[in-house]
N, C-alpha and C. Protein backbone atom coordinates (compact mmCIF):
# COMPACT_ATOMS: atom_id res chain seq x y z
N UNK A 1 -33.93 95.46 48.34
CA UNK A 1 -34.41 96.12 47.15
C UNK A 1 -35.05 97.45 47.57
N UNK A 2 -34.62 98.56 46.94
CA UNK A 2 -35.17 99.86 47.32
C UNK A 2 -36.53 100.08 46.66
N UNK A 3 -37.19 101.15 47.08
CA UNK A 3 -38.56 101.38 46.62
C UNK A 3 -38.63 101.66 45.12
N UNK A 4 -37.62 102.34 44.56
CA UNK A 4 -37.68 102.63 43.12
C UNK A 4 -37.50 101.36 42.29
N UNK A 5 -36.64 100.44 42.75
CA UNK A 5 -36.48 99.19 41.99
C UNK A 5 -37.72 98.30 42.15
N UNK A 6 -38.38 98.40 43.31
CA UNK A 6 -39.64 97.66 43.49
C UNK A 6 -40.70 98.19 42.54
N UNK A 7 -40.78 99.52 42.42
CA UNK A 7 -41.76 100.13 41.53
C UNK A 7 -41.47 99.75 40.08
N UNK A 8 -40.20 99.76 39.71
CA UNK A 8 -39.82 99.39 38.35
C UNK A 8 -40.15 97.92 38.08
N UNK A 9 -39.90 97.08 39.07
CA UNK A 9 -40.18 95.65 38.90
C UNK A 9 -41.68 95.40 38.79
N UNK A 10 -42.48 96.26 39.41
CA UNK A 10 -43.92 96.08 39.39
C UNK A 10 -44.53 96.40 38.02
N UNK A 11 -43.81 97.19 37.22
CA UNK A 11 -44.32 97.52 35.89
C UNK A 11 -44.17 96.31 34.98
N UNK A 12 -45.24 95.93 34.38
CA UNK A 12 -45.16 94.84 33.40
C UNK A 12 -44.88 95.44 32.04
N UNK A 13 -44.52 94.62 31.10
CA UNK A 13 -44.22 95.11 29.78
C UNK A 13 -45.42 95.85 29.16
N UNK A 14 -46.62 95.42 29.46
CA UNK A 14 -47.80 96.06 28.88
C UNK A 14 -48.12 97.40 29.53
N UNK A 15 -47.67 97.65 30.75
CA UNK A 15 -47.98 98.91 31.41
C UNK A 15 -46.84 99.91 31.32
N UNK A 16 -45.68 99.49 30.85
CA UNK A 16 -44.56 100.42 30.72
C UNK A 16 -44.89 101.44 29.64
N UNK A 17 -44.50 102.69 29.86
CA UNK A 17 -44.69 103.67 28.80
C UNK A 17 -43.84 103.29 27.59
N UNK A 18 -44.23 103.77 26.43
CA UNK A 18 -43.48 103.40 25.24
C UNK A 18 -43.04 104.63 24.48
N UNK A 19 -41.94 104.50 23.78
CA UNK A 19 -41.49 105.56 22.91
C UNK A 19 -42.37 105.53 21.68
N UNK A 20 -42.91 106.69 21.31
CA UNK A 20 -43.82 106.72 20.17
C UNK A 20 -43.08 106.99 18.87
N UNK A 21 -42.00 107.74 18.91
CA UNK A 21 -41.25 108.05 17.70
C UNK A 21 -39.79 108.22 18.07
N UNK A 22 -38.92 107.90 17.14
CA UNK A 22 -37.49 108.20 17.31
C UNK A 22 -37.03 108.90 16.04
N UNK A 23 -36.49 110.10 16.19
CA UNK A 23 -35.94 110.86 15.09
C UNK A 23 -34.44 111.01 15.34
N UNK A 24 -33.63 110.34 14.63
CA UNK A 24 -32.18 110.42 14.69
C UNK A 24 -31.67 110.57 16.11
N UNK A 25 -31.44 111.81 16.56
CA UNK A 25 -30.86 112.05 17.87
C UNK A 25 -31.90 112.40 18.93
N UNK A 26 -33.18 112.32 18.61
CA UNK A 26 -34.21 112.75 19.53
C UNK A 26 -35.12 111.59 19.89
N UNK A 27 -35.63 111.64 21.10
CA UNK A 27 -36.61 110.65 21.55
C UNK A 27 -37.89 111.40 21.87
N UNK A 28 -38.99 110.94 21.33
CA UNK A 28 -40.30 111.53 21.61
C UNK A 28 -41.09 110.51 22.39
N UNK A 29 -41.57 110.91 23.55
CA UNK A 29 -42.29 109.97 24.39
C UNK A 29 -43.58 110.60 24.87
N UNK A 30 -44.64 109.79 25.02
CA UNK A 30 -45.90 110.32 25.55
C UNK A 30 -45.72 110.69 27.02
N UNK A 31 -46.50 111.63 27.48
CA UNK A 31 -46.42 112.07 28.87
C UNK A 31 -47.61 111.54 29.61
N UNK A 32 -47.57 111.15 30.84
CA UNK A 32 -46.38 111.11 31.68
C UNK A 32 -45.59 109.81 31.51
N UNK A 33 -44.34 109.89 31.82
CA UNK A 33 -43.47 108.72 31.80
C UNK A 33 -42.88 108.59 33.19
N UNK A 34 -43.00 107.41 33.76
CA UNK A 34 -42.60 107.22 35.15
C UNK A 34 -41.31 106.43 35.30
N UNK A 35 -40.91 105.66 34.31
CA UNK A 35 -39.77 104.77 34.47
C UNK A 35 -38.77 105.00 33.34
N UNK A 36 -37.91 105.99 33.51
CA UNK A 36 -36.98 106.31 32.44
C UNK A 36 -35.81 105.35 32.36
N UNK A 37 -35.55 104.52 33.38
CA UNK A 37 -34.50 103.52 33.26
C UNK A 37 -34.83 102.58 32.09
N UNK A 38 -36.11 102.38 31.84
CA UNK A 38 -36.56 101.55 30.74
C UNK A 38 -36.02 102.07 29.41
N UNK A 39 -35.84 103.39 29.31
CA UNK A 39 -35.33 103.99 28.09
C UNK A 39 -33.83 104.24 28.14
N UNK A 40 -33.17 103.83 29.23
CA UNK A 40 -31.75 104.06 29.46
C UNK A 40 -31.39 105.53 29.32
N UNK A 41 -32.24 106.40 29.84
CA UNK A 41 -31.95 107.82 29.87
C UNK A 41 -32.58 108.42 31.12
N UNK A 42 -32.03 109.50 31.58
CA UNK A 42 -32.54 110.14 32.79
C UNK A 42 -33.63 111.13 32.43
N UNK A 43 -34.62 111.27 33.27
CA UNK A 43 -35.65 112.26 33.07
C UNK A 43 -35.05 113.64 33.28
N UNK A 44 -35.14 114.45 32.27
CA UNK A 44 -34.57 115.79 32.34
C UNK A 44 -35.57 116.73 33.00
N UNK A 45 -35.09 117.43 34.02
CA UNK A 45 -35.87 118.51 34.61
C UNK A 45 -37.28 118.09 35.01
N UNK A 46 -37.38 116.98 35.74
CA UNK A 46 -38.66 116.39 36.09
C UNK A 46 -39.60 117.37 36.79
N UNK A 47 -39.13 118.04 37.82
CA UNK A 47 -39.99 118.93 38.59
C UNK A 47 -40.49 120.09 37.73
N UNK A 48 -39.59 120.70 36.96
CA UNK A 48 -39.98 121.81 36.09
C UNK A 48 -40.96 121.35 35.02
N UNK A 49 -40.73 120.17 34.46
CA UNK A 49 -41.60 119.63 33.43
C UNK A 49 -43.01 119.40 33.98
N UNK A 50 -43.10 118.81 35.17
CA UNK A 50 -44.41 118.60 35.79
C UNK A 50 -45.13 119.93 36.05
N UNK A 51 -44.39 120.96 36.44
CA UNK A 51 -45.02 122.27 36.67
C UNK A 51 -45.60 122.83 35.38
N UNK A 52 -44.84 122.72 34.29
CA UNK A 52 -45.31 123.22 32.99
C UNK A 52 -46.56 122.46 32.55
N UNK A 53 -46.52 121.15 32.66
CA UNK A 53 -47.67 120.34 32.25
C UNK A 53 -48.88 120.67 33.12
N UNK A 54 -48.67 120.86 34.41
CA UNK A 54 -49.76 121.23 35.31
C UNK A 54 -50.39 122.56 34.91
N UNK A 55 -49.56 123.52 34.52
CA UNK A 55 -50.09 124.82 34.08
C UNK A 55 -50.89 124.66 32.79
N UNK A 56 -50.38 123.85 31.86
CA UNK A 56 -51.11 123.61 30.61
C UNK A 56 -52.45 122.93 30.87
N UNK A 57 -52.45 121.98 31.79
CA UNK A 57 -53.70 121.31 32.15
C UNK A 57 -54.69 122.30 32.75
N UNK A 58 -54.20 123.20 33.57
CA UNK A 58 -55.06 124.22 34.17
C UNK A 58 -55.69 125.10 33.08
N UNK A 59 -54.88 125.50 32.11
CA UNK A 59 -55.39 126.31 30.99
C UNK A 59 -56.46 125.53 30.23
N UNK A 60 -56.21 124.26 29.94
CA UNK A 60 -57.18 123.46 29.20
C UNK A 60 -58.46 123.26 30.01
N UNK A 61 -58.32 123.02 31.30
CA UNK A 61 -59.50 122.84 32.15
C UNK A 61 -60.34 124.11 32.21
N UNK A 62 -59.68 125.25 32.18
CA UNK A 62 -60.38 126.53 32.26
C UNK A 62 -61.03 126.92 30.91
N UNK A 63 -60.29 126.73 29.82
CA UNK A 63 -60.78 127.20 28.52
C UNK A 63 -61.45 126.11 27.68
N UNK A 64 -61.04 124.86 27.87
CA UNK A 64 -61.59 123.79 27.05
C UNK A 64 -61.04 123.85 25.64
N UNK A 65 -61.75 123.18 24.72
CA UNK A 65 -61.32 123.08 23.33
C UNK A 65 -62.01 124.13 22.47
N UNK A 66 -61.33 124.54 21.40
CA UNK A 66 -61.99 125.35 20.40
C UNK A 66 -61.37 126.70 20.12
N UNK A 67 -60.44 127.14 20.93
CA UNK A 67 -59.79 128.42 20.70
C UNK A 67 -58.58 128.26 19.79
N UNK A 68 -58.12 129.37 19.25
CA UNK A 68 -56.91 129.34 18.43
C UNK A 68 -55.68 129.29 19.35
N UNK A 69 -54.54 128.96 18.75
CA UNK A 69 -53.29 128.85 19.51
C UNK A 69 -52.99 130.10 20.33
N UNK A 70 -53.21 131.26 19.74
CA UNK A 70 -52.85 132.52 20.40
C UNK A 70 -53.58 132.70 21.73
N UNK A 71 -54.82 132.24 21.81
CA UNK A 71 -55.59 132.34 23.04
C UNK A 71 -54.97 131.45 24.13
N UNK A 72 -54.61 130.21 23.75
CA UNK A 72 -53.97 129.31 24.72
C UNK A 72 -52.61 129.85 25.15
N UNK A 73 -51.88 130.47 24.24
CA UNK A 73 -50.59 131.07 24.59
C UNK A 73 -50.77 132.21 25.57
N UNK A 74 -51.76 133.08 25.32
CA UNK A 74 -52.02 134.19 26.24
C UNK A 74 -52.37 133.67 27.63
N UNK A 75 -53.23 132.65 27.67
CA UNK A 75 -53.65 132.08 28.95
C UNK A 75 -52.48 131.41 29.67
N UNK A 76 -51.63 130.70 28.92
CA UNK A 76 -50.48 130.03 29.53
C UNK A 76 -49.47 131.04 30.07
N UNK A 77 -49.31 132.13 29.38
CA UNK A 77 -48.41 133.18 29.88
C UNK A 77 -48.92 133.73 31.21
N UNK A 78 -50.21 133.96 31.31
CA UNK A 78 -50.80 134.44 32.56
C UNK A 78 -50.64 133.38 33.65
N UNK A 79 -50.91 132.13 33.33
CA UNK A 79 -50.79 131.04 34.30
C UNK A 79 -49.35 130.93 34.82
N UNK A 80 -48.38 131.07 33.94
CA UNK A 80 -46.98 131.02 34.36
C UNK A 80 -46.65 132.17 35.31
N UNK A 81 -47.13 133.35 34.99
CA UNK A 81 -46.90 134.51 35.86
C UNK A 81 -47.56 134.30 37.22
N UNK A 82 -48.78 133.74 37.24
CA UNK A 82 -49.47 133.47 38.51
C UNK A 82 -48.71 132.46 39.36
N UNK A 83 -47.96 131.56 38.70
CA UNK A 83 -47.20 130.54 39.42
C UNK A 83 -45.75 130.95 39.66
N UNK A 84 -45.40 132.17 39.30
CA UNK A 84 -44.05 132.65 39.54
C UNK A 84 -42.98 131.93 38.72
N UNK A 85 -43.35 131.50 37.51
CA UNK A 85 -42.44 130.75 36.65
C UNK A 85 -41.77 131.71 35.68
N UNK A 86 -40.45 131.59 35.55
CA UNK A 86 -39.71 132.37 34.58
C UNK A 86 -40.13 131.96 33.18
N UNK A 87 -40.67 132.89 32.42
CA UNK A 87 -41.18 132.58 31.08
C UNK A 87 -40.75 133.67 30.11
N UNK A 88 -40.31 133.24 28.92
CA UNK A 88 -40.00 134.16 27.84
C UNK A 88 -40.89 133.74 26.67
N UNK A 89 -41.68 134.68 26.19
CA UNK A 89 -42.59 134.38 25.10
C UNK A 89 -41.99 134.86 23.79
N UNK A 90 -42.14 134.06 22.74
CA UNK A 90 -41.61 134.37 21.42
C UNK A 90 -40.13 134.74 21.47
N UNK A 91 -39.36 133.96 22.22
CA UNK A 91 -37.93 134.20 22.33
C UNK A 91 -37.24 133.89 21.00
N UNK A 92 -36.51 134.87 20.45
CA UNK A 92 -35.87 134.65 19.15
C UNK A 92 -34.57 133.85 19.27
N UNK A 93 -34.37 132.94 18.31
CA UNK A 93 -33.12 132.18 18.20
C UNK A 93 -32.59 132.33 16.78
N UNK A 94 -31.31 132.57 16.68
CA UNK A 94 -30.67 132.69 15.37
C UNK A 94 -30.53 131.32 14.73
N UNK A 95 -30.77 131.26 13.43
CA UNK A 95 -30.62 130.03 12.66
C UNK A 95 -29.47 130.25 11.68
N UNK A 96 -28.66 129.21 11.52
CA UNK A 96 -27.48 129.31 10.66
C UNK A 96 -27.56 128.34 9.51
N UNK A 97 -27.01 128.78 8.39
CA UNK A 97 -26.86 127.92 7.22
C UNK A 97 -25.40 128.01 6.79
N UNK A 98 -24.68 126.87 6.86
CA UNK A 98 -23.27 126.81 6.50
C UNK A 98 -22.49 127.93 7.19
N UNK A 99 -22.67 128.01 8.47
CA UNK A 99 -22.02 128.98 9.39
C UNK A 99 -22.45 130.42 9.17
N UNK A 100 -23.36 130.66 8.24
CA UNK A 100 -23.84 132.03 8.02
C UNK A 100 -25.20 132.21 8.66
N UNK A 101 -25.37 133.34 9.30
CA UNK A 101 -26.61 133.67 9.97
C UNK A 101 -27.69 134.00 8.94
N UNK A 102 -28.86 133.37 9.10
CA UNK A 102 -29.99 133.68 8.22
C UNK A 102 -30.67 134.98 8.66
N UNK A 103 -31.36 135.61 7.72
CA UNK A 103 -32.05 136.87 8.03
C UNK A 103 -33.18 136.66 9.02
N UNK A 104 -33.89 135.54 8.86
CA UNK A 104 -35.03 135.25 9.73
C UNK A 104 -34.56 134.47 10.96
N UNK A 105 -35.24 134.70 12.06
CA UNK A 105 -34.96 133.97 13.28
C UNK A 105 -36.14 133.08 13.61
N UNK A 106 -35.86 132.04 14.38
CA UNK A 106 -36.93 131.19 14.90
C UNK A 106 -37.36 131.77 16.23
N UNK A 107 -38.65 131.90 16.45
CA UNK A 107 -39.18 132.37 17.71
C UNK A 107 -39.89 131.23 18.42
N UNK A 108 -39.36 130.82 19.55
CA UNK A 108 -39.99 129.77 20.36
C UNK A 108 -41.28 130.32 20.95
N UNK A 109 -42.35 129.50 20.93
CA UNK A 109 -43.60 129.94 21.57
C UNK A 109 -43.30 130.40 22.99
N UNK A 110 -42.67 129.51 23.76
CA UNK A 110 -42.26 129.84 25.13
C UNK A 110 -40.92 129.18 25.42
N UNK A 111 -40.14 129.83 26.24
CA UNK A 111 -39.00 129.20 26.88
C UNK A 111 -39.24 129.41 28.38
N UNK A 112 -39.38 128.30 29.09
CA UNK A 112 -39.66 128.36 30.52
C UNK A 112 -38.48 127.82 31.30
N UNK A 113 -38.27 128.37 32.46
CA UNK A 113 -37.16 128.01 33.33
C UNK A 113 -35.82 128.20 32.62
N UNK A 114 -35.78 129.08 31.64
CA UNK A 114 -34.54 129.43 30.98
C UNK A 114 -34.12 128.55 29.83
N UNK A 115 -34.56 127.28 29.78
CA UNK A 115 -34.05 126.41 28.72
C UNK A 115 -34.99 125.25 28.33
N UNK A 116 -36.27 125.37 28.63
CA UNK A 116 -37.25 124.37 28.20
C UNK A 116 -38.19 125.02 27.19
N UNK A 117 -38.15 124.51 25.96
CA UNK A 117 -39.04 125.03 24.92
C UNK A 117 -40.43 124.44 25.14
N UNK A 118 -41.44 125.29 25.04
CA UNK A 118 -42.83 124.84 25.10
C UNK A 118 -43.50 125.30 23.82
N UNK A 119 -43.81 124.34 22.97
CA UNK A 119 -44.44 124.62 21.68
C UNK A 119 -45.92 124.31 21.79
N UNK A 120 -46.76 125.29 21.49
CA UNK A 120 -48.21 125.17 21.66
C UNK A 120 -48.89 124.94 20.31
N UNK A 121 -49.82 123.99 20.29
CA UNK A 121 -50.64 123.72 19.11
C UNK A 121 -52.11 123.64 19.54
N UNK A 122 -52.99 123.93 18.60
CA UNK A 122 -54.43 123.76 18.83
C UNK A 122 -54.99 122.98 17.64
N UNK A 123 -54.43 121.80 17.43
CA UNK A 123 -54.80 120.97 16.29
C UNK A 123 -55.98 120.08 16.66
N UNK A 124 -57.11 120.32 16.05
CA UNK A 124 -58.32 119.59 16.37
C UNK A 124 -58.19 118.09 16.19
N UNK A 125 -57.49 117.68 15.15
CA UNK A 125 -57.35 116.26 14.86
C UNK A 125 -56.07 115.66 15.41
N UNK A 126 -55.41 116.35 16.29
CA UNK A 126 -54.19 115.83 16.89
C UNK A 126 -52.95 116.30 16.16
N UNK A 127 -51.82 115.96 16.72
CA UNK A 127 -50.54 116.37 16.18
C UNK A 127 -50.13 115.49 15.00
N UNK A 128 -49.39 116.06 14.10
CA UNK A 128 -48.87 115.30 12.97
C UNK A 128 -47.35 115.27 13.05
N UNK A 129 -46.75 114.49 12.21
CA UNK A 129 -45.29 114.33 12.24
C UNK A 129 -44.58 115.66 12.01
N UNK A 130 -45.16 116.53 11.19
CA UNK A 130 -44.54 117.83 10.94
C UNK A 130 -44.41 118.66 12.22
N UNK A 131 -45.38 118.55 13.12
CA UNK A 131 -45.29 119.26 14.41
C UNK A 131 -44.08 118.81 15.20
N UNK A 132 -43.83 117.50 15.20
CA UNK A 132 -42.67 116.96 15.91
C UNK A 132 -41.38 117.40 15.25
N UNK A 133 -41.32 117.30 13.94
CA UNK A 133 -40.10 117.69 13.23
C UNK A 133 -39.80 119.18 13.40
N UNK A 134 -40.83 120.01 13.38
CA UNK A 134 -40.66 121.44 13.59
C UNK A 134 -40.07 121.70 14.97
N UNK A 135 -40.61 121.05 15.98
CA UNK A 135 -40.11 121.24 17.34
C UNK A 135 -38.67 120.77 17.48
N UNK A 136 -38.35 119.66 16.84
CA UNK A 136 -36.97 119.16 16.87
C UNK A 136 -36.02 120.16 16.23
N UNK A 137 -36.43 120.75 15.11
CA UNK A 137 -35.58 121.76 14.48
C UNK A 137 -35.41 122.98 15.39
N UNK A 138 -36.46 123.34 16.10
CA UNK A 138 -36.35 124.44 17.06
C UNK A 138 -35.35 124.12 18.16
N UNK A 139 -35.35 122.86 18.60
CA UNK A 139 -34.39 122.45 19.63
C UNK A 139 -32.96 122.54 19.09
N UNK A 140 -32.77 122.13 17.87
CA UNK A 140 -31.43 122.23 17.26
C UNK A 140 -30.98 123.68 17.17
N UNK A 141 -31.89 124.55 16.74
CA UNK A 141 -31.53 125.97 16.57
C UNK A 141 -31.22 126.63 17.92
N UNK A 142 -31.96 126.25 18.95
CA UNK A 142 -31.81 126.91 20.26
C UNK A 142 -30.74 126.28 21.14
N UNK A 143 -30.44 125.00 20.90
CA UNK A 143 -29.51 124.30 21.77
C UNK A 143 -30.19 123.74 23.03
N UNK A 144 -31.49 123.93 23.14
CA UNK A 144 -32.22 123.38 24.29
C UNK A 144 -32.30 121.87 24.18
N UNK A 145 -32.18 121.18 25.29
CA UNK A 145 -32.17 119.72 25.30
C UNK A 145 -33.54 119.12 25.60
N UNK A 146 -34.50 119.97 25.95
CA UNK A 146 -35.83 119.49 26.32
C UNK A 146 -36.88 120.42 25.73
N UNK A 147 -37.92 119.82 25.16
CA UNK A 147 -39.06 120.59 24.65
C UNK A 147 -40.34 119.84 24.98
N UNK A 148 -41.38 120.58 25.21
CA UNK A 148 -42.71 120.01 25.39
C UNK A 148 -43.57 120.49 24.22
N UNK A 149 -44.16 119.55 23.52
CA UNK A 149 -45.07 119.85 22.44
C UNK A 149 -46.48 119.62 22.98
N UNK A 150 -47.23 120.69 23.13
CA UNK A 150 -48.52 120.66 23.81
C UNK A 150 -49.63 120.92 22.79
N UNK A 151 -50.65 120.06 22.81
CA UNK A 151 -51.79 120.25 21.92
C UNK A 151 -53.08 120.40 22.74
N UNK A 152 -53.77 121.51 22.50
CA UNK A 152 -55.08 121.74 23.11
C UNK A 152 -56.13 121.37 22.07
N UNK A 153 -56.34 120.10 21.83
CA UNK A 153 -57.20 119.62 20.75
C UNK A 153 -58.56 119.16 21.22
N UNK A 154 -59.43 118.90 20.24
CA UNK A 154 -60.78 118.46 20.57
C UNK A 154 -60.80 117.05 21.15
N UNK A 155 -59.74 116.27 20.90
CA UNK A 155 -59.66 114.93 21.47
C UNK A 155 -59.08 114.97 22.88
N UNK A 156 -58.86 116.16 23.39
CA UNK A 156 -58.35 116.32 24.74
C UNK A 156 -56.97 116.94 24.76
N UNK A 157 -56.52 117.27 25.94
CA UNK A 157 -55.20 117.83 26.16
C UNK A 157 -54.16 116.74 25.98
N UNK A 158 -53.06 117.06 25.30
CA UNK A 158 -52.05 116.06 25.01
C UNK A 158 -50.68 116.72 25.04
N UNK A 159 -49.71 116.09 25.68
CA UNK A 159 -48.35 116.61 25.76
C UNK A 159 -47.36 115.53 25.39
N UNK A 160 -46.36 115.91 24.63
CA UNK A 160 -45.26 115.02 24.28
C UNK A 160 -43.96 115.69 24.70
N UNK A 161 -43.10 114.92 25.31
CA UNK A 161 -41.78 115.43 25.71
C UNK A 161 -40.78 115.02 24.65
N UNK A 162 -39.97 115.95 24.20
CA UNK A 162 -38.92 115.67 23.24
C UNK A 162 -37.59 115.92 23.93
N UNK A 163 -36.71 114.94 23.89
CA UNK A 163 -35.42 115.02 24.56
C UNK A 163 -34.31 114.92 23.55
N UNK A 164 -33.36 115.84 23.63
CA UNK A 164 -32.18 115.72 22.79
C UNK A 164 -31.31 114.65 23.41
N UNK A 165 -31.02 113.63 22.63
CA UNK A 165 -30.32 112.46 23.15
C UNK A 165 -29.13 112.16 22.22
N UNK A 166 -28.02 112.92 22.39
CA UNK A 166 -26.89 112.74 21.46
C UNK A 166 -26.24 111.38 21.60
């Protein structure tokens, strides 16, 4: 038995991470998740995802709770630059309706490593279902298969990974 199967066997049902929400083709799971075989899906971009979450944690540790989203976005952009991470802020994506391009575009808070959406919130009372649905729609518009929904709230730092799972 290899070490990964030993680790998986050591997880009991009560300690396994759980899926918190399922929206049609998307899986939303709390972070961190260590045993993706349990979900019958592979962890997408594990190393890049951990780097992004680490940078968000650094921003939260430095600033704490109470600022508006724009402040956390400014700080995260600086943190990404300090870590040499490819980051695009407010990257525009075209949205279509019945094959016709809409006048307005969706702007992702961040796109890191070229194809990971990072959506930032500063919701004091935590995230709501609308935050998840908004991020899922952003993933559909952009074609990105992975998004991180990050909340810098008064109840603490919180991250959810959203995976496109066709």
